[in-house]
Amino acid sequence: MTFRRKTIIATACLGLIAATAGGAVLGSGQRLPTPHLGLRDGEPSIDSLLEKFRQALVTNDKTLLRRLRVSEDEYRNLILPGSVEPGTPPGSYSEQASQYFWGILNGKSIYVEANLLHEFGGKDFAIDSVEYRKGVKKYRDYTAYKQLTVMVKHPGEEPESMKIGSIAEVDGKYKFISYVRD
């Protein structure tokens, strides 16, 4: 085999490996599997996630509040393409569309974070109960606990409702997808 032919084959293989990292579509229209991604620094349970969420609000910890939701990489490479029915190929989005969807979700979440800190920040409270207004749904790459209503109780006061976004579970790890409430 000539050096030129080996170089062409090696380049093609490297291109295939790089393309596979994003769940590439082959010329035949078949999609290569997307490598399994997880949630970095996810919590081991919804209760643990909600307790850290409560701590972030009580201590006005904006950094912790932000860390409890998915990162751009997790959203664009796991949540967005994995938001299809189980057993189906991952959703495919252009770079521009993927960036756009992340930008909208992230921007809205940042505003909700500010509002949550304004409304609940620095005030002690306990979480009384949690309801998933839009239920629990299994998607291709994760399970969504959709649109939470959290009943919170401040000492000496009546319980109050806090509506927040959805939670994703991937391999027993939990993070908020966003804080955006529909």
C-alpha atoms as a PDB file:
ATOM      1  CA  MET A   1       0.000   0.000   0.000  1.00  0.00           C
ATOM      2  CA  THR A   2       1.426   3.373  -0.948  1.00  0.00           C
ATOM      3  CA  PHE A   3       2.067   6.158   1.542  1.00  0.00           C
ATOM      4  CA  ARG A   4      -0.565   8.331  -0.192  1.00  0.00           C
ATOM      5  CA  ARG A   5      -3.233   5.619   0.077  1.00  0.00           C
ATOM      6  CA  LYS A   6      -2.380   5.007   3.765  1.00  0.00           C
ATOM      7  CA  THR A   7      -2.679   8.745   4.402  1.00  0.00           C
ATOM      8  CA  ILE A   8      -6.089   8.898   2.709  1.00  0.00           C
ATOM      9  CA  ILE A   9      -7.349   5.900   4.726  1.00  0.00           C
ATOM     10  CA  ALA A  10      -5.979   7.332   7.989  1.00  0.00           C
ATOM     11  CA  THR A  11      -7.550  10.710   7.256  1.00  0.00           C
ATOM     12  CA  ALA A  12     -10.890   9.084   6.477  1.00  0.00           C
ATOM     13  CA  CYS A  13     -10.732   7.061   9.707  1.00  0.00           C
ATOM     14  CA  LEU A  14      -9.903  10.137  11.761  1.00  0.00           C
ATOM     15  CA  GLY A  15     -12.766  11.997  10.113  1.00  0.00           C
ATOM     16  CA  LEU A  16     -15.105   9.115  10.890  1.00  0.00           C
ATOM     17  CA  ILE A  17     -13.975   9.059  14.521  1.00  0.00           C
ATOM     18  CA  ALA A  18     -14.434  12.832  14.826  1.00  0.00           C
ATOM     19  CA  ALA A  19     -17.828  12.659  13.161  1.00  0.00           C
ATOM     20  CA  THR A  20     -18.905   9.768  15.388  1.00  0.00           C
ATOM     21  CA  ALA A  21     -18.339  11.959  18.444  1.00  0.00           C
ATOM     22  CA  GLY A  22     -21.329  13.959  17.320  1.00  0.00           C
ATOM     23  CA  GLY A  23     -23.482  11.058  16.175  1.00  0.00           C
ATOM     24  CA  ALA A  24     -22.629  11.289  12.480  1.00  0.00           C
ATOM     25  CA  VAL A  25     -24.829  10.299   9.577  1.00  0.00           C
ATOM     26  CA  LEU A  26     -23.147   7.972   7.105  1.00  0.00           C
ATOM     27  CA  GLY A  27     -23.565   8.313   3.342  1.00  0.00           C
ATOM     28  CA  SER A  28     -26.131   5.509   3.432  1.00  0.00           C
ATOM     29  CA  GLY A  29     -28.259   7.579   5.813  1.00  0.00           C
ATOM     30  CA  GLN A  30     -27.456   5.346   8.790  1.00  0.00           C
ATOM     31  CA  ARG A  31     -26.583   7.186  11.973  1.00  0.00           C
ATOM     32  CA  LEU A  32     -23.594   6.088  14.009  1.00  0.00           C
ATOM     33  CA  PRO A  33     -24.335   5.901  17.731  1.00  0.00           C
ATOM     34  CA  THR A  34     -23.523   8.941  19.818  1.00  0.00           C
ATOM     35  CA  PRO A  35     -21.008   8.098  22.534  1.00  0.00           C
ATOM     36  CA  HIS A  36     -22.641   7.855  25.936  1.00  0.00           C
ATOM     37  CA  LEU A  37     -22.497  11.095  27.835  1.00  0.00           C
ATOM     38  CA  GLY A  38     -23.406  11.653  31.462  1.00  0.00           C
ATOM     39  CA  LEU A  39     -24.128  14.535  33.796  1.00  0.00           C
ATOM     40  CA  ARG A  40     -20.922  15.859  35.319  1.00  0.00           C
ATOM     41  CA  ASP A  41     -21.244  16.574  39.033  1.00  0.00           C
ATOM     42  CA  GLY A  42     -24.870  15.430  39.045  1.00  0.00           C
ATOM     43  CA  GLU A  43     -26.532  14.633  42.345  1.00  0.00           C
ATOM     44  CA  PRO A  44     -27.289  11.004  43.332  1.00  0.00           C
ATOM     45  CA  SER A  45     -31.012  11.677  43.919  1.00  0.00           C
ATOM     46  CA  ILE A  46     -33.724  14.254  43.356  1.00  0.00           C
ATOM     47  CA  ASP A  47     -33.837  14.818  47.128  1.00  0.00           C
ATOM     48  CA  SER A  48     -30.117  15.588  47.166  1.00  0.00           C
ATOM     49  CA  LEU A  49     -30.491  17.933  44.169  1.00  0.00           C
ATOM     50  CA  LEU A  50     -33.385  19.769  45.819  1.00  0.00           C
ATOM     51  CA  GLU A  51     -31.460  20.067  49.095  1.00  0.00           C
ATOM     52  CA  LYS A  52     -28.498  21.650  47.267  1.00  0.00           C
ATOM     53  CA  PHE A  53     -30.978  23.901  45.432  1.00  0.00           C
ATOM     54  CA  ARG A  54     -32.444  24.933  48.810  1.00  0.00           C
ATOM     55  CA  GLN A  55     -28.940  25.555  50.211  1.00  0.00           C
ATOM     56  CA  ALA A  56     -28.028  27.686  47.180  1.00  0.00           C
ATOM     57  CA  LEU A  57     -31.073  29.893  47.758  1.00  0.00           C
ATOM     58  CA  VAL A  58     -30.746  30.103  51.546  1.00  0.00           C
ATOM     59  CA  THR A  59     -27.074  31.103  51.233  1.00  0.00           C
ATOM     60  CA  ASN A  60     -27.569  33.306  48.123  1.00  0.00           C
ATOM     61  CA  ASP A  61     -25.029  31.135  46.299  1.00  0.00           C
ATOM     62  CA  LYS A  62     -25.466  32.031  42.629  1.00  0.00           C
ATOM     63  CA  THR A  63     -22.534  29.815  41.614  1.00  0.00           C
ATOM     64  CA  LEU A  64     -24.023  26.724  43.242  1.00  0.00           C
ATOM     65  CA  LEU A  65     -27.442  27.510  41.775  1.00  0.00           C
ATOM     66  CA  ARG A  66     -25.891  27.663  38.284  1.00  0.00           C
ATOM     67  CA  ARG A  67     -23.868  24.466  38.830  1.00  0.00           C
ATOM     68  CA  LEU A  68     -27.046  22.491  39.639  1.00  0.00           C
ATOM     69  CA  ARG A  69     -28.293  22.770  36.068  1.00  0.00           C
ATOM     70  CA  VAL A  70     -26.876  21.253  32.920  1.00  0.00           C
ATOM     71  CA  SER A  71     -23.930  22.912  31.226  1.00  0.00           C
ATOM     72  CA  GLU A  72     -23.933  24.031  27.618  1.00  0.00           C
ATOM     73  CA  ASP A  73     -22.058  20.882  26.615  1.00  0.00           C
ATOM     74  CA  GLU A  74     -24.508  18.631  28.479  1.00  0.00           C
ATOM     75  CA  TYR A  75     -27.490  20.402  26.956  1.00  0.00           C
ATOM     76  CA  ARG A  76     -26.218  20.533  23.383  1.00  0.00           C
ATOM     77  CA  ASN A  77     -24.701  17.041  23.299  1.00  0.00           C
ATOM     78  CA  LEU A  78     -27.008  15.037  25.583  1.00  0.00           C
ATOM     79  CA  ILE A  79     -30.341  16.699  26.366  1.00  0.00           C
ATOM     80  CA  LEU A  80     -31.138  18.283  22.991  1.00  0.00           C
ATOM     81  CA  PRO A  81     -30.299  15.305  20.754  1.00  0.00           C
ATOM     82  CA  GLY A  82     -31.613  12.847  23.354  1.00  0.00           C
ATOM     83  CA  SER A  83     -35.062  14.483  23.585  1.00  0.00           C
ATOM     84  CA  VAL A  84     -36.616  11.910  21.271  1.00  0.00           C
ATOM     85  CA  GLU A  85     -38.506   8.702  21.912  1.00  0.00           C
ATOM     86  CA  PRO A  86     -36.492   5.768  23.310  1.00  0.00           C
ATOM     87  CA  GLY A  87     -35.112   3.511  20.590  1.00  0.00           C
ATOM     88  CA  THR A  88     -35.017   6.219  17.932  1.00  0.00           C
ATOM     89  CA  PRO A  89     -31.897   7.902  16.545  1.00  0.00           C
ATOM     90  CA  PRO A  90     -30.780  11.057  18.353  1.00  0.00           C
ATOM     91  CA  GLY A  91     -32.137  14.359  17.114  1.00  0.00           C
ATOM     92  CA  SER A  92     -29.861  16.165  14.717  1.00  0.00           C
ATOM     93  CA  TYR A  93     -29.375  19.928  14.889  1.00  0.00           C
ATOM     94  CA  SER A  94     -27.057  22.260  13.046  1.00  0.00           C
ATOM     95  CA  GLU A  95     -24.405  24.035  15.080  1.00  0.00           C
ATOM     96  CA  GLN A  96     -26.341  27.283  14.677  1.00  0.00           C
ATOM     97  CA  ALA A  97     -29.652  25.760  15.834  1.00  0.00           C
ATOM     98  CA  SER A  98     -27.996  24.020  18.778  1.00  0.00           C
ATOM     99  CA  GLN A  99     -26.327  27.258  19.890  1.00  0.00           C
ATOM    100  CA  TYR A 100     -29.602  29.139  19.462  1.00  0.00           C
ATOM    101  CA  PHE A 101     -31.633  26.694  21.572  1.00  0.00           C
ATOM    102  CA  TRP A 102     -28.979  26.711  24.300  1.00  0.00           C
ATOM    103  CA  GLY A 103     -28.824  30.518  24.242  1.00  0.00           C
ATOM    104  CA  ILE A 104     -32.588  30.851  24.689  1.00  0.00           C
ATOM    105  CA  LEU A 105     -32.760  28.261  27.480  1.00  0.00           C
ATOM    106  CA  ASN A 106     -29.690  29.564  29.281  1.00  0.00           C
ATOM    107  CA  GLY A 107     -30.781  33.207  29.026  1.00  0.00           C
ATOM    108  CA  LYS A 108     -34.220  32.461  30.430  1.00  0.00           C
ATOM    109  CA  SER A 109     -32.707  30.330  33.217  1.00  0.00           C
ATOM    110  CA  ILE A 110     -30.370  33.152  34.216  1.00  0.00           C
ATOM    111  CA  TYR A 111     -33.355  35.479  34.617  1.00  0.00           C
ATOM    112  CA  VAL A 112     -35.253  32.878  36.643  1.00  0.00           C
ATOM    113  CA  GLU A 113     -32.160  32.314  38.828  1.00  0.00           C
ATOM    114  CA  ALA A 114     -32.065  36.054  39.569  1.00  0.00           C
ATOM    115  CA  ASN A 115     -35.766  36.029  40.383  1.00  0.00           C
ATOM    116  CA  LEU A 116     -35.404  32.962  42.647  1.00  0.00           C
ATOM    117  CA  LEU A 117     -32.542  34.636  44.519  1.00  0.00           C
ATOM    118  CA  HIS A 118     -34.606  37.812  44.853  1.00  0.00           C
ATOM    119  CA  GLU A 119     -37.721  35.963  46.103  1.00  0.00           C
ATOM    120  CA  PHE A 120     -36.149  33.210  48.230  1.00  0.00           C
ATOM    121  CA  GLY A 121     -32.480  34.142  48.633  1.00  0.00           C
ATOM    122  CA  GLY A 122     -31.197  34.517  52.173  1.00  0.00           C
ATOM    123  CA  LYS A 123     -34.443  33.237  53.691  1.00  0.00           C
ATOM    124  CA  ASP A 124     -34.496  29.953  55.560  1.00  0.00           C
ATOM    125  CA  PHE A 125     -37.079  27.448  54.358  1.00  0.00           C
ATOM    126  CA  ALA A 126     -37.772  23.744  54.197  1.00  0.00           C
ATOM    127  CA  ILE A 127     -39.067  21.843  51.206  1.00  0.00           C
ATOM    128  CA  ASP A 128     -42.478  20.460  52.123  1.00  0.00           C
ATOM    129  CA  SER A 129     -43.395  18.581  48.932  1.00  0.00           C
ATOM    130  CA  VAL A 130     -42.689  18.328  45.210  1.00  0.00           C
ATOM    131  CA  GLU A 131     -45.061  17.783  42.306  1.00  0.00           C
ATOM    132  CA  TYR A 132     -44.194  17.311  38.635  1.00  0.00           C
ATOM    133  CA  ARG A 133     -46.831  19.396  36.851  1.00  0.00           C
ATOM    134  CA  LYS A 134     -46.133  17.783  33.469  1.00  0.00           C
ATOM    135  CA  GLY A 135     -45.263  14.329  34.790  1.00  0.00           C
ATOM    136  CA  VAL A 136     -42.225  12.138  34.287  1.00  0.00           C
ATOM    137  CA  LYS A 137     -41.158  11.223  30.746  1.00  0.00           C
ATOM    138  CA  LYS A 138     -38.527   8.796  29.507  1.00  0.00           C
ATOM    139  CA  TYR A 139     -36.597  10.053  26.494  1.00  0.00           C
ATOM    140  CA  ARG A 140     -33.915   8.340  24.450  1.00  0.00           C
ATOM    141  CA  ASP A 141     -30.981   9.450  26.612  1.00  0.00           C
ATOM    142  CA  TYR A 142     -32.540  10.624  29.873  1.00  0.00           C
ATOM    143  CA  THR A 143     -35.631  10.768  32.050  1.00  0.00           C
ATOM    144  CA  ALA A 144     -37.272  14.169  32.580  1.00  0.00           C
ATOM    145  CA  TYR A 145     -39.116  15.166  35.739  1.00  0.00           C
ATOM    146  CA  LYS A 146     -41.094  17.948  34.155  1.00  0.00           C
ATOM    147  CA  GLN A 147     -42.022  21.322  35.576  1.00  0.00           C
ATOM    148  CA  LEU A 148     -41.718  21.176  39.345  1.00  0.00           C
ATOM    149  CA  THR A 149     -44.007  22.794  41.860  1.00  0.00           C
ATOM    150  CA  VAL A 150     -42.105  22.870  45.129  1.00  0.00           C
ATOM    151  CA  MET A 151     -43.995  23.689  48.292  1.00  0.00           C
ATOM    152  CA  VAL A 152     -41.666  25.562  50.642  1.00  0.00           C
ATOM    153  CA  LYS A 153     -42.236  26.412  54.286  1.00  0.00           C
ATOM    154  CA  HIS A 154     -40.551  29.371  55.940  1.00  0.00           C
ATOM    155  CA  PRO A 155     -40.382  29.117  59.759  1.00  0.00           C
ATOM    156  CA  GLY A 156     -43.636  30.344  61.294  1.00  0.00           C
ATOM    157  CA  GLU A 157     -45.367  30.875  57.936  1.00  0.00           C
ATOM    158  CA  GLU A 158     -47.803  29.027  55.708  1.00  0.00           C
ATOM    159  CA  PRO A 159     -46.346  26.887  52.876  1.00  0.00           C
ATOM    160  CA  GLU A 160     -45.734  28.749  49.636  1.00  0.00           C
ATOM    161  CA  SER A 161     -45.558  27.452  46.073  1.00  0.00           C
ATOM    162  CA  MET A 162     -42.365  27.762  44.006  1.00  0.00           C
ATOM    163  CA  LYS A 163     -42.650  26.826  40.334  1.00  0.00           C
ATOM    164  CA  ILE A 164     -39.425  25.889  38.588  1.00  0.00           C
ATOM    165  CA  GLY A 165     -38.272  24.007  35.513  1.00  0.00           C
ATOM    166  CA  SER A 166     -37.425  20.378  34.880  1.00  0.00           C
ATOM    167  CA  ILE A 167     -34.875  17.853  36.099  1.00  0.00           C
ATOM    168  CA  ALA A 168     -32.940  15.332  33.997  1.00  0.00           C
ATOM    169  CA  GLU A 169     -31.779  11.943  35.248  1.00  0.00           C
ATOM    170  CA  VAL A 170     -28.973  10.149  33.429  1.00  0.00           C
ATOM    171  CA  ASP A 171     -27.535   6.938  34.897  1.00  0.00           C
ATOM    172  CA  GLY A 172     -28.679   7.761  38.423  1.00  0.00           C
ATOM    173  CA  LYS A 173     -27.352  11.350  38.344  1.00  0.00           C
ATOM    174  CA  TYR A 174     -29.673  14.361  38.505  1.00  0.00           C
ATOM    175  CA  LYS A 175     -29.422  17.981  37.379  1.00  0.00           C
ATOM    176  CA  PHE A 176     -31.872  20.693  36.461  1.00  0.00           C
ATOM    177  CA  ILE A 177     -32.293  21.072  32.714  1.00  0.00           C
ATOM    178  CA  SER A 178     -33.355  24.642  33.368  1.00  0.00           C
ATOM    179  CA  TYR A 179     -35.187  26.727  35.919  1.00  0.00           C
ATOM    180  CA  VAL A 180     -37.616  27.992  33.271  1.00  0.00           C
ATOM    181  CA  ARG A 181     -41.208  27.398  34.262  1.00  0.00           C
ATOM    182  CA  ASP A 182     -43.780  27.065  31.482  1.00  0.00           C
END
